[in-house]
N, C-alpha and C. Protein backbone atom coordinates (compact mmCIF):
# COMPACT_ATOMS: atom_id res chain seq x y z
N MET A 1 -5.38 2.03 0.89
CA MET A 1 -4.83 3.03 1.79
C MET A 1 -4.38 2.40 3.10
N ILE A 2 -3.55 3.12 3.76
CA ILE A 2 -3.02 2.66 5.03
C ILE A 2 -4.05 2.81 6.14
N ASN A 3 -4.15 1.84 6.98
CA ASN A 3 -5.08 1.89 8.13
C ASN A 3 -4.57 2.96 9.11
N LEU A 4 -5.41 3.93 9.42
CA LEU A 4 -5.05 5.01 10.34
C LEU A 4 -4.77 4.50 11.73
N GLN A 5 -5.39 3.39 12.12
CA GLN A 5 -5.14 2.81 13.44
C GLN A 5 -3.70 2.35 13.55
N ILE A 6 -3.16 1.80 12.47
CA ILE A 6 -1.76 1.35 12.48
C ILE A 6 -0.85 2.55 12.65
N ILE A 7 -1.15 3.66 11.94
CA ILE A 7 -0.33 4.86 12.07
C ILE A 7 -0.41 5.41 13.49
N ASP A 8 -1.59 5.41 14.08
CA ASP A 8 -1.73 5.88 15.45
C ASP A 8 -0.93 4.99 16.42
N GLU A 9 -0.94 3.70 16.20
CA GLU A 9 -0.18 2.79 17.04
C GLU A 9 1.33 3.06 16.90
N LEU A 10 1.80 3.28 15.67
CA LEU A 10 3.20 3.59 15.46
C LEU A 10 3.58 4.91 16.15
N ALA A 11 2.72 5.93 15.99
CA ALA A 11 2.99 7.19 16.62
C ALA A 11 3.04 7.06 18.15
N HIS A 12 2.12 6.26 18.68
CA HIS A 12 2.10 6.03 20.14
C HIS A 12 3.37 5.36 20.59
N LYS A 13 3.81 4.33 19.88
CA LYS A 13 5.03 3.62 20.23
C LYS A 13 6.25 4.54 20.14
N LEU A 14 6.29 5.37 19.14
CA LEU A 14 7.38 6.31 19.02
C LEU A 14 7.39 7.33 20.17
N SER A 15 6.23 7.78 20.53
CA SER A 15 6.15 8.77 21.62
C SER A 15 6.47 8.11 22.95
N GLU A 16 6.23 6.84 23.09
CA GLU A 16 6.54 6.13 24.37
C GLU A 16 8.02 6.00 24.62
N VAL A 17 8.84 6.01 23.56
CA VAL A 17 10.26 5.88 23.76
C VAL A 17 10.95 7.15 24.16
N LEU A 18 10.17 8.25 24.15
CA LEU A 18 10.71 9.52 24.61
C LEU A 18 10.97 9.50 26.09
N PRO A 19 11.95 10.25 26.54
CA PRO A 19 12.21 10.29 27.98
C PRO A 19 10.97 10.85 28.73
N ASN A 20 11.02 10.74 30.00
CA ASN A 20 9.89 11.22 30.81
C ASN A 20 9.72 12.73 30.62
N ILE A 21 8.71 13.05 29.83
CA ILE A 21 8.39 14.46 29.58
C ILE A 21 6.94 14.69 29.92
N ASP A 22 6.56 15.95 29.96
CA ASP A 22 5.19 16.36 30.25
C ASP A 22 4.22 15.59 29.31
N GLU A 23 3.11 15.12 29.87
CA GLU A 23 2.14 14.35 29.10
C GLU A 23 1.57 15.17 27.94
N THR A 24 1.37 16.47 28.15
CA THR A 24 0.86 17.34 27.07
C THR A 24 1.86 17.37 25.90
N LEU A 25 3.14 17.52 26.23
CA LEU A 25 4.18 17.56 25.20
C LEU A 25 4.25 16.20 24.49
N LYS A 26 4.13 15.13 25.25
CA LYS A 26 4.17 13.80 24.67
C LYS A 26 2.99 13.61 23.69
N ASN A 27 1.81 14.11 24.03
CA ASN A 27 0.66 14.02 23.13
C ASN A 27 0.89 14.86 21.88
N ASP A 28 1.49 16.03 22.02
CA ASP A 28 1.83 16.84 20.87
C ASP A 28 2.79 16.14 19.94
N VAL A 29 3.79 15.51 20.53
CA VAL A 29 4.77 14.76 19.72
C VAL A 29 4.10 13.59 19.02
N LYS A 30 3.22 12.91 19.73
CA LYS A 30 2.48 11.79 19.13
C LYS A 30 1.67 12.26 17.94
N GLN A 31 0.96 13.37 18.08
CA GLN A 31 0.18 13.91 16.96
C GLN A 31 1.09 14.28 15.77
N ASN A 32 2.25 14.89 16.06
CA ASN A 32 3.20 15.24 15.00
C ASN A 32 3.73 13.95 14.31
N PHE A 33 4.09 12.94 15.11
CA PHE A 33 4.52 11.66 14.52
C PHE A 33 3.44 11.11 13.59
N SER A 34 2.20 11.12 14.07
CA SER A 34 1.07 10.60 13.30
C SER A 34 0.93 11.37 11.99
N ALA A 35 1.00 12.65 12.02
CA ALA A 35 0.88 13.46 10.80
C ALA A 35 2.02 13.19 9.83
N ILE A 36 3.23 13.08 10.37
CA ILE A 36 4.41 12.79 9.53
C ILE A 36 4.29 11.41 8.88
N LEU A 37 3.87 10.43 9.65
CA LEU A 37 3.73 9.06 9.13
C LEU A 37 2.62 9.00 8.05
N GLN A 38 1.49 9.65 8.32
CA GLN A 38 0.41 9.66 7.34
C GLN A 38 0.87 10.28 6.03
N SER A 39 1.59 11.38 6.13
CA SER A 39 2.09 12.05 4.95
C SER A 39 3.07 11.17 4.20
N ALA A 40 3.98 10.55 4.90
CA ALA A 40 4.99 9.70 4.27
C ALA A 40 4.34 8.51 3.58
N PHE A 41 3.40 7.84 4.25
CA PHE A 41 2.75 6.68 3.66
C PHE A 41 1.89 7.10 2.47
N LYS A 42 1.25 8.25 2.54
CA LYS A 42 0.44 8.73 1.42
C LYS A 42 1.31 8.97 0.18
N LYS A 43 2.51 9.53 0.41
CA LYS A 43 3.42 9.79 -0.71
C LYS A 43 3.90 8.51 -1.33
N MET A 44 4.00 7.43 -0.54
CA MET A 44 4.46 6.14 -1.06
C MET A 44 3.40 5.48 -1.95
N ASP A 45 2.17 5.97 -1.92
CA ASP A 45 1.09 5.40 -2.72
C ASP A 45 0.96 3.89 -2.54
N LEU A 46 0.90 3.46 -1.31
CA LEU A 46 0.82 2.04 -0.96
C LEU A 46 -0.61 1.53 -1.12
N VAL A 47 -0.73 0.26 -1.33
CA VAL A 47 -2.02 -0.40 -1.35
C VAL A 47 -2.01 -1.51 -0.30
N ASN A 48 -3.23 -1.83 0.14
CA ASN A 48 -3.28 -2.92 1.12
C ASN A 48 -3.25 -4.26 0.44
N ALA A 49 -3.18 -5.32 1.23
CA ALA A 49 -3.01 -6.67 0.68
C ALA A 49 -4.21 -7.07 -0.18
N GLU A 50 -5.40 -6.67 0.21
CA GLU A 50 -6.62 -7.00 -0.56
C GLU A 50 -6.55 -6.37 -1.94
N GLU A 51 -6.22 -5.08 -2.00
CA GLU A 51 -6.09 -4.41 -3.30
C GLU A 51 -5.00 -5.04 -4.16
N PHE A 52 -3.91 -5.41 -3.53
CA PHE A 52 -2.81 -6.05 -4.24
C PHE A 52 -3.24 -7.38 -4.86
N ASN A 53 -3.96 -8.20 -4.04
CA ASN A 53 -4.40 -9.50 -4.54
C ASN A 53 -5.41 -9.35 -5.67
N VAL A 54 -6.27 -8.36 -5.62
CA VAL A 54 -7.22 -8.09 -6.72
C VAL A 54 -6.44 -7.77 -7.99
N GLN A 55 -5.43 -6.92 -7.87
CA GLN A 55 -4.60 -6.54 -9.01
C GLN A 55 -3.85 -7.74 -9.61
N LYS A 56 -3.41 -8.63 -8.69
CA LYS A 56 -2.73 -9.86 -9.18
C LYS A 56 -3.68 -10.71 -10.02
N LEU A 57 -4.93 -10.82 -9.58
CA LEU A 57 -5.91 -11.61 -10.31
C LEU A 57 -6.22 -10.98 -11.63
N VAL A 58 -6.35 -9.66 -11.67
CA VAL A 58 -6.60 -8.95 -12.93
C VAL A 58 -5.45 -9.18 -13.88
N LEU A 59 -4.24 -9.05 -13.38
CA LEU A 59 -3.07 -9.26 -14.21
C LEU A 59 -3.00 -10.68 -14.79
N LYS A 60 -3.29 -11.67 -13.95
CA LYS A 60 -3.28 -13.05 -14.41
C LYS A 60 -4.32 -13.26 -15.51
N SER A 61 -5.48 -12.70 -15.33
CA SER A 61 -6.54 -12.80 -16.30
C SER A 61 -6.13 -12.16 -17.64
N LEU A 62 -5.53 -10.98 -17.58
CA LEU A 62 -5.07 -10.31 -18.77
C LEU A 62 -3.93 -11.09 -19.46
N GLU A 63 -3.04 -11.70 -18.68
CA GLU A 63 -1.98 -12.50 -19.25
C GLU A 63 -2.56 -13.69 -20.03
N GLU A 64 -3.60 -14.30 -19.47
CA GLU A 64 -4.24 -15.43 -20.15
C GLU A 64 -4.92 -14.98 -21.44
N LYS A 65 -5.56 -13.84 -21.41
CA LYS A 65 -6.22 -13.30 -22.62
C LYS A 65 -5.17 -12.96 -23.68
N ILE A 66 -4.05 -12.42 -23.29
CA ILE A 66 -3.00 -12.10 -24.24
C ILE A 66 -2.45 -13.38 -24.88
N LYS A 67 -2.30 -14.40 -24.07
CA LYS A 67 -1.80 -15.68 -24.60
C LYS A 67 -2.75 -16.22 -25.66
N VAL A 68 -4.06 -16.17 -25.38
CA VAL A 68 -5.05 -16.65 -26.33
C VAL A 68 -4.97 -15.83 -27.62
N LEU A 69 -4.87 -14.52 -27.49
CA LEU A 69 -4.75 -13.66 -28.68
C LEU A 69 -3.46 -13.93 -29.46
N GLU A 70 -2.37 -14.15 -28.78
CA GLU A 70 -1.12 -14.45 -29.45
C GLU A 70 -1.23 -15.77 -30.25
N ASP A 71 -1.91 -16.75 -29.65
CA ASP A 71 -2.12 -18.05 -30.31
C ASP A 71 -2.97 -17.85 -31.57
N LYS A 72 -4.00 -17.01 -31.49
CA LYS A 72 -4.89 -16.76 -32.63
C LYS A 72 -4.10 -16.07 -33.74
N VAL A 73 -3.24 -15.12 -33.37
CA VAL A 73 -2.42 -14.43 -34.38
C VAL A 73 -1.47 -15.41 -35.09
N LYS A 74 -0.88 -16.29 -34.30
CA LYS A 74 0.00 -17.31 -34.89
C LYS A 74 -0.77 -18.20 -35.86
N ASP A 75 -1.98 -18.62 -35.49
CA ASP A 75 -2.79 -19.46 -36.33
C ASP A 75 -3.16 -18.71 -37.63
N LEU A 76 -3.51 -17.46 -37.50
CA LEU A 76 -3.84 -16.64 -38.68
C LEU A 76 -2.62 -16.48 -39.60
N GLU A 77 -1.47 -16.29 -39.00
CA GLU A 77 -0.23 -16.13 -39.81
C GLU A 77 0.08 -17.43 -40.55
N LYS A 78 -0.17 -18.57 -39.90
CA LYS A 78 0.09 -19.87 -40.52
C LYS A 78 -0.85 -20.12 -41.70
N SER A 79 -2.08 -19.63 -41.60
CA SER A 79 -3.07 -19.92 -42.61
C SER A 79 -2.90 -19.05 -43.84
N LYS A 80 -2.03 -18.11 -43.83
CA LYS A 80 -1.78 -17.26 -45.00
C LYS A 80 -0.97 -17.96 -46.05
């Protein structure tokens, strides 16, 4: 999942580029930006780098197991 601190930082940066407006309004806009960003990132179904790396390792392991099984099938077919 996306780190909420990153979303808050993005929302803060977006609200800072607004012209000089009332601080209360700026905080409301920041909260709205934060909610919109959270919703958008959640819909993207993103994973963090650690989760991605774990999945890469799982995939590599499975590829190796498939290769071993393919070789066994070839050997069995040859022995017929």
